[in-house]
Amino acid sequence: MHPLHHPHFVNFIVYFNDNQDFFECHEELEHYWKAQPDFSKDYPLTAYILLAVGLYHWRRENFIGAHKLLHKAERRMVRFLNEPSPFTEGIDFSTLYQQCRESMHAVERGESFQSFEIHITSNTLRALYEEAQSTLPLLPKNSIDIIEKHRLRHRA
């Protein structure tokens, strides 16, 4: 299976694009990442995890945390701009990288949160995304339940 066709990655894109539930983005990819036999902090999925968590902090106006995480995401993403990786195929990765950089600079300037989407370029990934959209229960975009998810979640 192509790494970006994995159900956890597809769910990540749905949460990222459809309701900006960056906490769930993190949860989905952490499950996927930790299931890899060679997982480490340098594993390609961590760039996406750091991006989502950085955006989560930025929306909550934690500018210090957001900058730190977006900077780490940018440093990991830059490695994949010039070397082919199955973890960048099927999405417009160069645009995603640029959006990460622009977000990092906006955070440095203390600007308000600005969302963006991950652009899908693969027909197969697009079909998987559309299928997942119809099955995932999504909280309302920009609801307090999403913005403060780490505080409001049940830890049973």
Foldseek 3Di string as FASTA:
>chain_A
DQPCLPLLNLVLQCCQPPFLLLVSNLVSLVVVQVVDPPRDCLPLSVLSNLLSVLLLCLQVLVLVSNLVSLVVSLVSLVVCPPPPDSVCPFWPSVVVSVVSVVQNVCSVVSHHRDGDHIGGDDPSSVVSNVVVNVPDDDDHHPDPCRSVVVPPDDPD
